[in-house]
C-alpha atoms as a PDB file:
ATOM      1  CA  UNK A   1      56.798  18.071 -65.271  1.00  0.00           C
ATOM      2  CA  UNK A   2      53.303  17.035 -63.785  1.00  0.00           C
ATOM      3  CA  UNK A   3      50.714  15.769 -66.014  1.00  0.00           C
ATOM      4  CA  UNK A   4      47.315  17.571 -65.529  1.00  0.00           C
ATOM      5  CA  UNK A   5      45.642  14.229 -65.768  1.00  0.00           C
ATOM      6  CA  UNK A   6      47.580  12.580 -63.325  1.00  0.00           C
ATOM      7  CA  UNK A   7      46.646  15.210 -60.448  1.00  0.00           C
ATOM      8  CA  UNK A   8      42.851  15.327 -61.444  1.00  0.00           C
ATOM      9  CA  UNK A   9      42.811  11.730 -61.409  1.00  0.00           C
ATOM     10  CA  UNK A  10      44.704  11.725 -57.899  1.00  0.00           C
ATOM     11  CA  UNK A  11      41.855  14.152 -56.874  1.00  0.00           C
ATOM     12  CA  UNK A  12      38.793  12.671 -57.657  1.00  0.00           C
ATOM     13  CA  UNK A  13      40.256   9.035 -56.891  1.00  0.00           C
ATOM     14  CA  UNK A  14      40.982  10.169 -53.012  1.00  0.00           C
ATOM     15  CA  UNK A  15      37.453  12.048 -52.561  1.00  0.00           C
ATOM     16  CA  UNK A  16      34.916   8.840 -53.464  1.00  0.00           C
ATOM     17  CA  UNK A  17      37.168   7.270 -50.856  1.00  0.00           C
ATOM     18  CA  UNK A  18      36.610   9.637 -48.280  1.00  0.00           C
ATOM     19  CA  UNK A  19      33.082   9.712 -48.897  1.00  0.00           C
ATOM     20  CA  UNK A  20      33.173   6.100 -48.891  1.00  0.00           C
ATOM     21  CA  UNK A  21      34.676   6.288 -45.424  1.00  0.00           C
ATOM     22  CA  UNK A  22      32.344   8.471 -43.811  1.00  0.00           C
ATOM     23  CA  UNK A  23      29.289   6.231 -45.488  1.00  0.00           C
ATOM     24  CA  UNK A  24      30.631   3.418 -44.003  1.00  0.00           C
ATOM     25  CA  UNK A  25      30.889   4.752 -40.154  1.00  0.00           C
ATOM     26  CA  UNK A  26      27.576   6.007 -40.147  1.00  0.00           C
ATOM     27  CA  UNK A  27      24.475   3.920 -38.570  1.00  0.00           C
ATOM     28  CA  UNK A  28      21.261   2.910 -40.513  1.00  0.00           C
ATOM     29  CA  UNK A  29      17.764   3.187 -39.051  1.00  0.00           C
ATOM     30  CA  UNK A  30      17.679  -0.573 -38.467  1.00  0.00           C
ATOM     31  CA  UNK A  31      21.032  -0.353 -36.588  1.00  0.00           C
ATOM     32  CA  UNK A  32      19.860   2.520 -34.456  1.00  0.00           C
ATOM     33  CA  UNK A  33      16.464   0.823 -33.113  1.00  0.00           C
ATOM     34  CA  UNK A  34      18.419  -2.520 -32.414  1.00  0.00           C
ATOM     35  CA  UNK A  35      20.846  -0.759 -30.338  1.00  0.00           C
ATOM     36  CA  UNK A  36      18.052   1.509 -28.460  1.00  0.00           C
ATOM     37  CA  UNK A  37      16.022  -2.064 -27.878  1.00  0.00           C
ATOM     38  CA  UNK A  38      19.346  -3.619 -26.448  1.00  0.00           C
ATOM     39  CA  UNK A  39      19.772  -0.503 -24.287  1.00  0.00           C
ATOM     40  CA  UNK A  40      16.171  -0.650 -23.186  1.00  0.00           C
ATOM     41  CA  UNK A  41      16.332  -4.167 -22.266  1.00  0.00           C
ATOM     42  CA  UNK A  42      20.017  -3.628 -19.983  1.00  0.00           C
ATOM     43  CA  UNK A  43      18.269  -0.793 -18.183  1.00  0.00           C
ATOM     44  CA  UNK A  44      15.321  -2.812 -17.417  1.00  0.00           C
ATOM     45  CA  UNK A  45      17.217  -5.668 -16.127  1.00  0.00           C
ATOM     46  CA  UNK A  46      19.203  -3.036 -13.904  1.00  0.00           C
ATOM     47  CA  UNK A  47      16.171  -1.564 -12.586  1.00  0.00           C
ATOM     48  CA  UNK A  48      14.674  -5.000 -11.867  1.00  0.00           C
ATOM     49  CA  UNK A  49      17.656  -6.016 -10.007  1.00  0.00           C
ATOM     50  CA  UNK A  50      17.664  -2.875  -8.218  1.00  0.00           C
ATOM     51  CA  UNK A  51      14.467  -3.205  -6.888  1.00  0.00           C
ATOM     52  CA  UNK A  52      15.112  -6.573  -5.989  1.00  0.00           C
ATOM     53  CA  UNK A  53      17.766  -5.837  -4.009  1.00  0.00           C
ATOM     54  CA  UNK A  54      15.680  -3.280  -2.272  1.00  0.00           C
ATOM     55  CA  UNK A  55      12.697  -5.531  -1.501  1.00  0.00           C
ATOM     56  CA  UNK A  56      15.654  -8.131   0.224  1.00  0.00           C
ATOM     57  CA  UNK A  57      16.837  -5.371   2.031  1.00  0.00           C
ATOM     58  CA  UNK A  58      13.361  -4.313   3.353  1.00  0.00           C
ATOM     59  CA  UNK A  59      12.860  -7.692   4.130  1.00  0.00           C
ATOM     60  CA  UNK A  60      16.125  -8.322   5.993  1.00  0.00           C
ATOM     61  CA  UNK A  61      15.333  -4.993   7.651  1.00  0.00           C
ATOM     62  CA  UNK A  62      12.191  -6.371   8.803  1.00  0.00           C
ATOM     63  CA  UNK A  63      13.513  -9.657   9.967  1.00  0.00           C
ATOM     64  CA  UNK A  64      16.031  -7.775  12.448  1.00  0.00           C
ATOM     65  CA  UNK A  65      13.257  -5.694  13.911  1.00  0.00           C
ATOM     66  CA  UNK A  66      11.133  -8.888  14.558  1.00  0.00           C
ATOM     67  CA  UNK A  67      14.165 -10.904  15.828  1.00  0.00           C
ATOM     68  CA  UNK A  68      14.672  -7.795  18.176  1.00  0.00           C
ATOM     69  CA  UNK A  69      11.027  -7.722  19.433  1.00  0.00           C
ATOM     70  CA  UNK A  70      11.042 -11.498  19.842  1.00  0.00           C
ATOM     71  CA  UNK A  71      13.848 -11.142  22.037  1.00  0.00           C
ATOM     72  CA  UNK A  72      11.625  -9.097  24.283  1.00  0.00           C
ATOM     73  CA  UNK A  73       8.220 -10.981  23.972  1.00  0.00           C
ATOM     74  CA  UNK A  74       9.673 -14.774  23.912  1.00  0.00           C
ATOM     75  CA  UNK A  75      11.412 -14.728  27.631  1.00  0.00           C
ATOM     76  CA  UNK A  76       8.449 -12.701  29.032  1.00  0.00           C
ATOM     77  CA  UNK A  77       5.769 -15.510  27.810  1.00  0.00           C
ATOM     78  CA  UNK A  78       8.227 -18.094  28.832  1.00  0.00           C
ATOM     79  CA  UNK A  79       8.478 -16.630  32.111  1.00  0.00           C
ATOM     80  CA  UNK A  80       4.945 -17.502  32.745  1.00  0.00           C
ATOM     81  CA  UNK A  81       5.732 -21.457  33.282  1.00  0.00           C
ATOM     82  CA  UNK A  82       7.228 -20.350  36.764  1.00  0.00           C
ATOM     83  CA  UNK A  83       5.102 -17.631  37.652  1.00  0.00           C
ATOM     84  CA  UNK A  84       3.906 -17.794  41.047  1.00  0.00           C
ATOM     85  CA  UNK A  85      -0.262 -17.135  41.213  1.00  0.00           C
ATOM     86  CA  UNK A  86      -2.473 -17.390  44.538  1.00  0.00           C
ATOM     87  CA  UNK A  87      -5.591 -19.463  44.540  1.00  0.00           C
ATOM     88  CA  UNK A  88      -7.847 -19.520  47.294  1.00  0.00           C
ATOM     89  CA  UNK A  89     -11.228 -20.919  48.384  1.00  0.00           C
ATOM     90  CA  UNK A  90     -10.348 -24.460  48.583  1.00  0.00           C
ATOM     91  CA  UNK A  91     -10.646 -26.594  51.426  1.00  0.00           C
ATOM     92  CA  UNK A  92      -7.119 -28.594  52.524  1.00  0.00           C
ATOM     93  CA  UNK A  93      -8.864 -31.733  53.229  1.00  0.00           C
ATOM     94  CA  UNK A  94     -10.488 -32.002  49.531  1.00  0.00           C
ATOM     95  CA  UNK A  95      -9.115 -35.437  48.036  1.00  0.00           C
ATOM     96  CA  UNK A  96      -9.136 -33.193  44.738  1.00  0.00           C
ATOM     97  CA  UNK A  97      -7.101 -30.283  46.169  1.00  0.00           C
ATOM     98  CA  UNK A  98      -4.318 -30.869  43.803  1.00  0.00           C
ATOM     99  CA  UNK A  99      -5.934 -31.055  40.621  1.00  0.00           C
ATOM    100  CA  UNK A 100      -8.338 -28.346  41.755  1.00  0.00           C
ATOM    101  CA  UNK A 101      -5.138 -25.946  42.433  1.00  0.00           C
ATOM    102  CA  UNK A 102      -3.438 -26.743  39.156  1.00  0.00           C
ATOM    103  CA  UNK A 103      -6.746 -26.042  37.340  1.00  0.00           C
ATOM    104  CA  UNK A 104      -7.457 -23.047  38.972  1.00  0.00           C
ATOM    105  CA  UNK A 105      -3.686 -21.809  38.816  1.00  0.00           C
ATOM    106  CA  UNK A 106      -3.624 -22.581  34.927  1.00  0.00           C
ATOM    107  CA  UNK A 107      -6.749 -20.239  34.440  1.00  0.00           C
ATOM    108  CA  UNK A 108      -5.058 -17.481  37.133  1.00  0.00           C
ATOM    109  CA  UNK A 109      -1.838 -17.794  34.712  1.00  0.00           C
ATOM    110  CA  UNK A 110      -3.564 -17.295  31.381  1.00  0.00           C
ATOM    111  CA  UNK A 111      -5.948 -14.727  32.701  1.00  0.00           C
ATOM    112  CA  UNK A 112      -3.168 -13.076  34.226  1.00  0.00           C
ATOM    113  CA  UNK A 113      -0.823 -13.385  30.730  1.00  0.00           C
ATOM    114  CA  UNK A 114      -3.888 -12.032  28.860  1.00  0.00           C
ATOM    115  CA  UNK A 115      -3.674  -8.730  30.991  1.00  0.00           C
ATOM    116  CA  UNK A 116      -0.077  -8.550  30.620  1.00  0.00           C
ATOM    117  CA  UNK A 117       0.442  -9.484  27.272  1.00  0.00           C
ATOM    118  CA  UNK A 118      -2.462  -8.101  25.389  1.00  0.00           C
ATOM    119  CA  UNK A 119      -2.999  -8.454  21.860  1.00  0.00           C
ATOM    120  CA  UNK A 120      -6.181  -6.240  21.185  1.00  0.00           C
ATOM    121  CA  UNK A 121      -7.273  -3.359  22.773  1.00  0.00           C
ATOM    122  CA  UNK A 122     -10.284  -5.093  24.280  1.00  0.00           C
ATOM    123  CA  UNK A 123      -7.494  -6.799  26.882  1.00  0.00           C
ATOM    124  CA  UNK A 124      -6.624  -3.577  28.150  1.00  0.00           C
ATOM    125  CA  UNK A 125      -8.428  -1.992  31.301  1.00  0.00           C
ATOM    126  CA  UNK A 126      -9.368   1.524  31.134  1.00  0.00           C
ATOM    127  CA  UNK A 127      -9.232   1.483  34.819  1.00  0.00           C
ATOM    128  CA  UNK A 128      -7.761  -1.069  37.794  1.00  0.00           C
ATOM    129  CA  UNK A 129     -11.499  -0.839  39.085  1.00  0.00           C
ATOM    130  CA  UNK A 130     -12.030  -3.338  36.301  1.00  0.00           C
ATOM    131  CA  UNK A 131      -8.959  -5.992  37.012  1.00  0.00           C
ATOM    132  CA  UNK A 132      -9.004  -8.833  39.587  1.00  0.00           C
ATOM    133  CA  UNK A 133      -7.559  -7.725  42.848  1.00  0.00           C
ATOM    134  CA  UNK A 134      -7.169 -10.971  44.508  1.00  0.00           C
ATOM    135  CA  UNK A 135      -9.100 -12.366  47.483  1.00  0.00           C
ATOM    136  CA  UNK A 136     -11.767 -12.188  48.492  1.00  0.00           C
ATOM    137  CA  UNK A 137     -13.098 -10.964  45.182  1.00  0.00           C
ATOM    138  CA  UNK A 138     -11.124 -13.158  43.163  1.00  0.00           C
ATOM    139  CA  UNK A 139      -9.081 -16.114  43.494  1.00  0.00           C
ATOM    140  CA  UNK A 140      -5.772 -14.419  42.304  1.00  0.00           C
ATOM    141  CA  UNK A 141      -4.622 -10.807  41.487  1.00  0.00           C
ATOM    142  CA  UNK A 142      -3.947  -9.048  38.087  1.00  0.00           C
ATOM    143  CA  UNK A 143      -3.202  -6.130  39.125  1.00  0.00           C
ATOM    144  CA  UNK A 144       0.591  -6.013  38.684  1.00  0.00           C
ATOM    145  CA  UNK A 145       2.969  -3.388  37.545  1.00  0.00           C
ATOM    146  CA  UNK A 146       2.408  -3.779  33.875  1.00  0.00           C
ATOM    147  CA  UNK A 147      -1.415  -4.232  34.132  1.00  0.00           C
ATOM    148  CA  UNK A 148      -1.133  -0.827  36.108  1.00  0.00           C
ATOM    149  CA  UNK A 149       0.985   0.906  33.343  1.00  0.00           C
ATOM    150  CA  UNK A 150      -1.184   0.000  30.838  1.00  0.00           C
ATOM    151  CA  UNK A 151      -4.423   0.945  32.672  1.00  0.00           C
ATOM    152  CA  UNK A 152      -3.212   4.442  32.894  1.00  0.00           C
ATOM    153  CA  UNK A 153      -3.344   4.833  28.667  1.00  0.00           C
ATOM    154  CA  UNK A 154      -6.664   6.350  27.718  1.00  0.00           C
ATOM    155  CA  UNK A 155      -8.012   4.348  24.949  1.00  0.00           C
ATOM    156  CA  UNK A 156      -9.595   6.103  21.846  1.00  0.00           C
ATOM    157  CA  UNK A 157     -13.555   6.149  22.739  1.00  0.00           C
ATOM    158  CA  UNK A 158     -14.290   6.811  19.317  1.00  0.00           C
ATOM    159  CA  UNK A 159     -12.277   3.944  18.108  1.00  0.00           C
ATOM    160  CA  UNK A 160     -13.161   0.997  20.271  1.00  0.00           C
ATOM    161  CA  UNK A 161     -11.129  -1.268  17.605  1.00  0.00           C
ATOM    162  CA  UNK A 162      -8.261   0.584  16.225  1.00  0.00           C
ATOM    163  CA  UNK A 163      -7.174  -0.770  13.059  1.00  0.00           C
ATOM    164  CA  UNK A 164      -3.731  -1.517  14.244  1.00  0.00           C
ATOM    165  CA  UNK A 165      -4.549  -2.654  17.810  1.00  0.00           C
ATOM    166  CA  UNK A 166      -2.577  -5.413  17.950  1.00  0.00           C
ATOM    167  CA  UNK A 167       0.471  -3.911  16.683  1.00  0.00           C
ATOM    168  CA  UNK A 168      -0.113  -0.879  19.103  1.00  0.00           C
ATOM    169  CA  UNK A 169      -0.272  -3.521  22.234  1.00  0.00           C
ATOM    170  CA  UNK A 170       2.989  -4.817  21.140  1.00  0.00           C
ATOM    171  CA  UNK A 171       4.662  -1.734  21.241  1.00  0.00           C
ATOM    172  CA  UNK A 172       3.239  -0.930  24.405  1.00  0.00           C
ATOM    173  CA  UNK A 173       4.215  -4.434  25.866  1.00  0.00           C
ATOM    174  CA  UNK A 174       7.894  -3.925  24.944  1.00  0.00           C
ATOM    175  CA  UNK A 175       7.852  -0.038  26.097  1.00  0.00           C
ATOM    176  CA  UNK A 176       5.681  -0.367  29.298  1.00  0.00           C
ATOM    177  CA  UNK A 177       5.712  -3.896  30.741  1.00  0.00           C
ATOM    178  CA  UNK A 178       8.668  -3.383  32.831  1.00  0.00           C
ATOM    179  CA  UNK A 179      10.171  -7.028  32.077  1.00  0.00           C
ATOM    180  CA  UNK A 180      13.041  -5.029  30.070  1.00  0.00           C
ATOM    181  CA  UNK A 181      13.127  -1.446  31.119  1.00  0.00           C
ATOM    182  CA  UNK A 182      15.943  -0.504  28.521  1.00  0.00           C
ATOM    183  CA  UNK A 183      14.390  -2.677  25.543  1.00  0.00           C
ATOM    184  CA  UNK A 184      13.521   0.260  23.468  1.00  0.00           C
ATOM    185  CA  UNK A 185      16.973   1.347  23.456  1.00  0.00           C
ATOM    186  CA  UNK A 186      17.835  -1.367  21.006  1.00  0.00           C
ATOM    187  CA  UNK A 187      15.359   0.039  18.282  1.00  0.00           C
ATOM    188  CA  UNK A 188      16.355   2.389  15.696  1.00  0.00           C
ATOM    189  CA  UNK A 189      14.208   5.283  15.138  1.00  0.00           C
ATOM    190  CA  UNK A 190      12.749   4.158  12.000  1.00  0.00           C
ATOM    191  CA  UNK A 191      11.642   0.819  13.574  1.00  0.00           C
ATOM    192  CA  UNK A 192       8.184   2.323  15.154  1.00  0.00           C
ATOM    193  CA  UNK A 193       5.886   5.115  14.213  1.00  0.00           C
ATOM    194  CA  UNK A 194       2.449   6.064  14.514  1.00  0.00           C
ATOM    195  CA  UNK A 195       0.938   4.900  11.273  1.00  0.00           C
ATOM    196  CA  UNK A 196      -2.668   5.838  11.737  1.00  0.00           C
ATOM    197  CA  UNK A 197      -1.967   8.773  13.754  1.00  0.00           C
ATOM    198  CA  UNK A 198      -3.682   8.070  16.885  1.00  0.00           C
ATOM    199  CA  UNK A 199      -0.938   8.974  19.356  1.00  0.00           C
ATOM    200  CA  UNK A 200      -0.247   5.164  19.987  1.00  0.00           C
ATOM    201  CA  UNK A 201       2.929   4.122  18.177  1.00  0.00           C
ATOM    202  CA  UNK A 202       3.478   0.620  16.477  1.00  0.00           C
ATOM    203  CA  UNK A 203       6.780  -1.196  15.454  1.00  0.00           C
ATOM    204  CA  UNK A 204       6.876  -1.041  11.620  1.00  0.00           C
ATOM    205  CA  UNK A 205       8.404  -3.375   8.913  1.00  0.00           C
ATOM    206  CA  UNK A 206      10.686  -2.287   6.027  1.00  0.00           C
ATOM    207  CA  UNK A 207       7.793  -1.041   4.319  1.00  0.00           C
ATOM    208  CA  UNK A 208       6.513   1.206   6.920  1.00  0.00           C
ATOM    209  CA  UNK A 209       3.434  -1.058   8.006  1.00  0.00           C
ATOM    210  CA  UNK A 210       2.840  -1.914  11.577  1.00  0.00           C
ATOM    211  CA  UNK A 211       4.027  -5.477  12.530  1.00  0.00           C
ATOM    212  CA  UNK A 212       1.154  -7.225  14.268  1.00  0.00           C
ATOM    213  CA  UNK A 213       0.783  -9.583  17.271  1.00  0.00           C
ATOM    214  CA  UNK A 214      -0.964 -12.462  18.025  1.00  0.00           C
ATOM    215  CA  UNK A 215      -0.450 -13.768  21.875  1.00  0.00           C
ATOM    216  CA  UNK A 216      -2.215 -16.956  21.269  1.00  0.00           C
ATOM    217  CA  UNK A 217      -2.008 -18.428  17.620  1.00  0.00           C
ATOM    218  CA  UNK A 218      -3.177 -22.437  18.019  1.00  0.00           C
ATOM    219  CA  UNK A 219      -3.616 -22.908  14.710  1.00  0.00           C
ATOM    220  CA  UNK A 220      -0.389 -21.880  13.293  1.00  0.00           C
ATOM    221  CA  UNK A 221       2.016 -24.351  12.348  1.00  0.00           C
ATOM    222  CA  UNK A 222       5.524 -23.794  12.309  1.00  0.00           C
ATOM    223  CA  UNK A 223       9.099 -24.510  13.144  1.00  0.00           C
ATOM    224  CA  UNK A 224       8.250 -23.240  16.513  1.00  0.00           C
ATOM    225  CA  UNK A 225       4.845 -24.662  17.209  1.00  0.00           C
ATOM    226  CA  UNK A 226       2.999 -27.765  15.903  1.00  0.00           C
ATOM    227  CA  UNK A 227      -0.315 -26.069  15.808  1.00  0.00           C
ATOM    228  CA  UNK A 228      -3.538 -28.338  16.468  1.00  0.00           C
ATOM    229  CA  UNK A 229      -4.296 -30.615  18.054  1.00  0.00           C
ATOM    230  CA  UNK A 230      -2.494 -31.168  21.524  1.00  0.00           C
ATOM    231  CA  UNK A 231      -0.510 -34.425  22.266  1.00  0.00           C
ATOM    232  CA  UNK A 232       1.428 -35.593  24.819  1.00  0.00           C
ATOM    233  CA  UNK A 233       4.733 -34.114  22.878  1.00  0.00           C
ATOM    234  CA  UNK A 234       2.636 -30.933  21.974  1.00  0.00           C
ATOM    235  CA  UNK A 235       1.271 -29.915  25.244  1.00  0.00           C
ATOM    236  CA  UNK A 236       1.114 -26.210  26.997  1.00  0.00           C
ATOM    237  CA  UNK A 237       3.732 -25.839  29.123  1.00  0.00           C
ATOM    238  CA  UNK A 238       2.031 -23.932  31.976  1.00  0.00           C
ATOM    239  CA  UNK A 239      -0.061 -27.116  32.290  1.00  0.00           C
ATOM    240  CA  UNK A 240       2.571 -29.599  33.582  1.00  0.00           C
ATOM    241  CA  UNK A 241      -0.046 -32.256  35.074  1.00  0.00           C
ATOM    242  CA  UNK A 242      -2.797 -31.998  32.217  1.00  0.00           C
ATOM    243  CA  UNK A 243      -5.746 -30.484  33.422  1.00  0.00           C
ATOM    244  CA  UNK A 244      -6.265 -29.144  30.109  1.00  0.00           C
ATOM    245  CA  UNK A 245      -5.606 -31.940  27.506  1.00  0.00           C
ATOM    246  CA  UNK A 246      -6.697 -30.050  24.661  1.00  0.00           C
ATOM    247  CA  UNK A 247      -4.257 -27.067  25.102  1.00  0.00           C
ATOM    248  CA  UNK A 248      -1.418 -27.222  22.767  1.00  0.00           C
ATOM    249  CA  UNK A 249       1.963 -25.640  23.312  1.00  0.00           C
ATOM    250  CA  UNK A 250       2.087 -22.092  21.722  1.00  0.00           C
ATOM    251  CA  UNK A 251       4.715 -19.445  21.087  1.00  0.00           C
ATOM    252  CA  UNK A 252       3.554 -15.647  20.474  1.00  0.00           C
ATOM    253  CA  UNK A 253       3.521 -14.816  17.032  1.00  0.00           C
ATOM    254  CA  UNK A 254       4.858 -11.540  15.532  1.00  0.00           C
ATOM    255  CA  UNK A 255       4.197 -11.060  11.780  1.00  0.00           C
ATOM    256  CA  UNK A 256       5.055  -8.619   8.899  1.00  0.00           C
ATOM    257  CA  UNK A 257       2.507  -8.863   5.996  1.00  0.00           C
ATOM    258  CA  UNK A 258       5.635  -9.095   3.838  1.00  0.00           C
ATOM    259  CA  UNK A 259       6.443  -7.374   0.343  1.00  0.00           C
ATOM    260  CA  UNK A 260       2.713  -7.575  -0.960  1.00  0.00           C
ATOM    261  CA  UNK A 261       1.380  -6.108   2.152  1.00  0.00           C
ATOM    262  CA  UNK A 262      -2.033  -8.234   1.823  1.00  0.00           C
ATOM    263  CA  UNK A 263      -4.506  -8.424   4.694  1.00  0.00           C
ATOM    264  CA  UNK A 264      -7.224 -11.023   5.324  1.00  0.00           C
ATOM    265  CA  UNK A 265     -10.501  -8.930   6.401  1.00  0.00           C
ATOM    266  CA  UNK A 266      -8.970  -6.210   8.484  1.00  0.00           C
ATOM    267  CA  UNK A 267      -5.787  -4.330   9.966  1.00  0.00           C
ATOM    268  CA  UNK A 268      -5.911  -5.521  13.164  1.00  0.00           C
ATOM    269  CA  UNK A 269      -4.939  -9.312  13.062  1.00  0.00           C
ATOM    270  CA  UNK A 270      -5.003  -9.617   9.372  1.00  0.00           C
ATOM    271  CA  UNK A 271      -2.044 -10.184   7.165  1.00  0.00           C
ATOM    272  CA  UNK A 272      -3.382 -13.544   5.578  1.00  0.00           C
ATOM    273  CA  UNK A 273      -4.325 -14.795   9.078  1.00  0.00           C
ATOM    274  CA  UNK A 274      -7.492 -15.316  10.988  1.00  0.00           C
ATOM    275  CA  UNK A 275      -7.638 -15.499  14.743  1.00  0.00           C
ATOM    276  CA  UNK A 276     -10.264 -16.822  17.441  1.00  0.00           C
ATOM    277  CA  UNK A 277     -11.363 -14.151  19.841  1.00  0.00           C
ATOM    278  CA  UNK A 278     -10.466 -14.565  23.363  1.00  0.00           C
ATOM    279  CA  UNK A 279      -7.476 -17.354  23.129  1.00  0.00           C
ATOM    280  CA  UNK A 280      -7.583 -20.024  25.791  1.00  0.00           C
ATOM    281  CA  UNK A 281      -9.939 -17.444  27.871  1.00  0.00           C
ATOM    282  CA  UNK A 282     -12.574 -17.514  24.918  1.00  0.00           C
ATOM    283  CA  UNK A 283     -15.989 -17.906  26.291  1.00  0.00           C
ATOM    284  CA  UNK A 284     -16.228 -21.212  24.292  1.00  0.00           C
ATOM    285  CA  UNK A 285     -13.689 -22.693  26.321  1.00  0.00           C
ATOM    286  CA  UNK A 286     -15.369 -22.712  29.713  1.00  0.00           C
ATOM    287  CA  UNK A 287     -14.728 -24.936  32.473  1.00  0.00           C
ATOM    288  CA  UNK A 288     -16.865 -28.328  32.443  1.00  0.00           C
ATOM    289  CA  UNK A 289     -18.556 -29.307  35.625  1.00  0.00           C
ATOM    290  CA  UNK A 290     -18.302 -32.952  35.188  1.00  0.00           C
ATOM    291  CA  UNK A 291     -19.546 -33.533  39.026  1.00  0.00           C
ATOM    292  CA  UNK A 292     -16.189 -35.057  40.345  1.00  0.00           C
ATOM    293  CA  UNK A 293     -13.734 -32.473  40.709  1.00  0.00           C
ATOM    294  CA  UNK A 294     -10.710 -34.467  39.493  1.00  0.00           C
ATOM    295  CA  UNK A 295     -12.127 -34.575  36.206  1.00  0.00           C
ATOM    296  CA  UNK A 296     -12.917 -30.994  35.458  1.00  0.00           C
ATOM    297  CA  UNK A 297     -11.097 -29.932  32.655  1.00  0.00           C
ATOM    298  CA  UNK A 298     -11.413 -26.961  30.094  1.00  0.00           C
ATOM    299  CA  UNK A 299     -13.541 -28.263  26.747  1.00  0.00           C
ATOM    300  CA  UNK A 300     -12.392 -28.170  23.175  1.00  0.00           C
ATOM    301  CA  UNK A 301     -12.152 -25.110  21.724  1.00  0.00           C
ATOM    302  CA  UNK A 302     -15.358 -24.358  19.412  1.00  0.00           C
ATOM    303  CA  UNK A 303     -14.604 -22.299  16.353  1.00  0.00           C
ATOM    304  CA  UNK A 304     -12.221 -22.225  13.420  1.00  0.00           C
ATOM    305  CA  UNK A 305      -8.592 -22.438  13.381  1.00  0.00           C
ATOM    306  CA  UNK A 306      -6.350 -19.879  12.656  1.00  0.00           C
ATOM    307  CA  UNK A 307      -5.663 -20.523   8.993  1.00  0.00           C
ATOM    308  CA  UNK A 308      -3.343 -19.078   5.990  1.00  0.00           C
ATOM    309  CA  UNK A 309      -4.147 -18.029   2.279  1.00  0.00           C
ATOM    310  CA  UNK A 310      -2.059 -17.511  -0.611  1.00  0.00           C
ATOM    311  CA  UNK A 311      -1.475 -13.898   0.659  1.00  0.00           C
ATOM    312  CA  UNK A 312       0.278 -15.045   3.587  1.00  0.00           C
ATOM    313  CA  UNK A 313       3.166 -16.606   2.077  1.00  0.00           C
ATOM    314  CA  UNK A 314       5.597 -14.084   2.269  1.00  0.00           C
ATOM    315  CA  UNK A 315       4.786 -13.083   5.627  1.00  0.00           C
ATOM    316  CA  UNK A 316       7.787 -12.305   7.991  1.00  0.00           C
ATOM    317  CA  UNK A 317       6.906 -13.928  11.462  1.00  0.00           C
ATOM    318  CA  UNK A 318       9.275 -14.704  14.850  1.00  0.00           C
ATOM    319  CA  UNK A 319       8.771 -18.354  13.960  1.00  0.00           C
ATOM    320  CA  UNK A 320      10.828 -18.602  10.756  1.00  0.00           C
ATOM    321  CA  UNK A 321      13.480 -16.371  11.233  1.00  0.00           C
ATOM    322  CA  UNK A 322      15.993 -19.308  11.232  1.00  0.00           C
ATOM    323  CA  UNK A 323      14.722 -20.839   7.696  1.00  0.00           C
ATOM    324  CA  UNK A 324      14.507 -17.303   5.902  1.00  0.00           C
END
């Protein structure tokens, strides 16, 4: 026979046990707050990691695009070492004939290079009537197939210096120079766009910004060029006999502003760099008449060389594709 006290005691003994189990399974407010903080930290770390992955992917995309552009531009630039130009108006009996031919040939090559590889709209003729056509009006001819193709492009009259002029010229060289007629086939459709909506496309980096171009960047020191000044081991290969001793060896500069998108003073050549107007053909580098034709040379460049600032440290260029 069961004793009432025993059953009652058993019931009252189990109930407190169940209530205690439920109490021990619950979270306190402090524990809940700590858990939320931990989850927030983990989420922030995950998002930061994903953001870093996205930035690296955009940087890699930019390098791949610049690498493909460089594969077109560099051989074109190097071809001017053996490019034939015609110079006239020299006497075959002149004792300084060789030096004069070398000097005029160097100027002719550089002028032709500026016409065929423009890095600003100021270098692009609006018509062939403004382009040297050869003897007797000039000592050389710049009316080549690329220049004729460029001159048919109508420049926006209301924008003499478009904000992305160098990037637009870079695209035009790749698309219209004829050096490699199929070169655009190597680029995906997301690698070029018309960012400023002026009907002139630009190659764009991983962040959708135009990839800029400098044909001559003499103050830019990199693994590919030593920068200024010129020396016996750092001399313009277009000048094999040294008629312009102040000219260093140069490599065209193709560059993106990198993740920060910082520019110096404008969108044309900015991106943390400042350029000199005119390159080797700048007005400050005119022929120096020293009496003896054998001693004629191009005078030292006057002006500030290209310099970098802190915003340029993350730039992505064709000069450092191997080190990044």
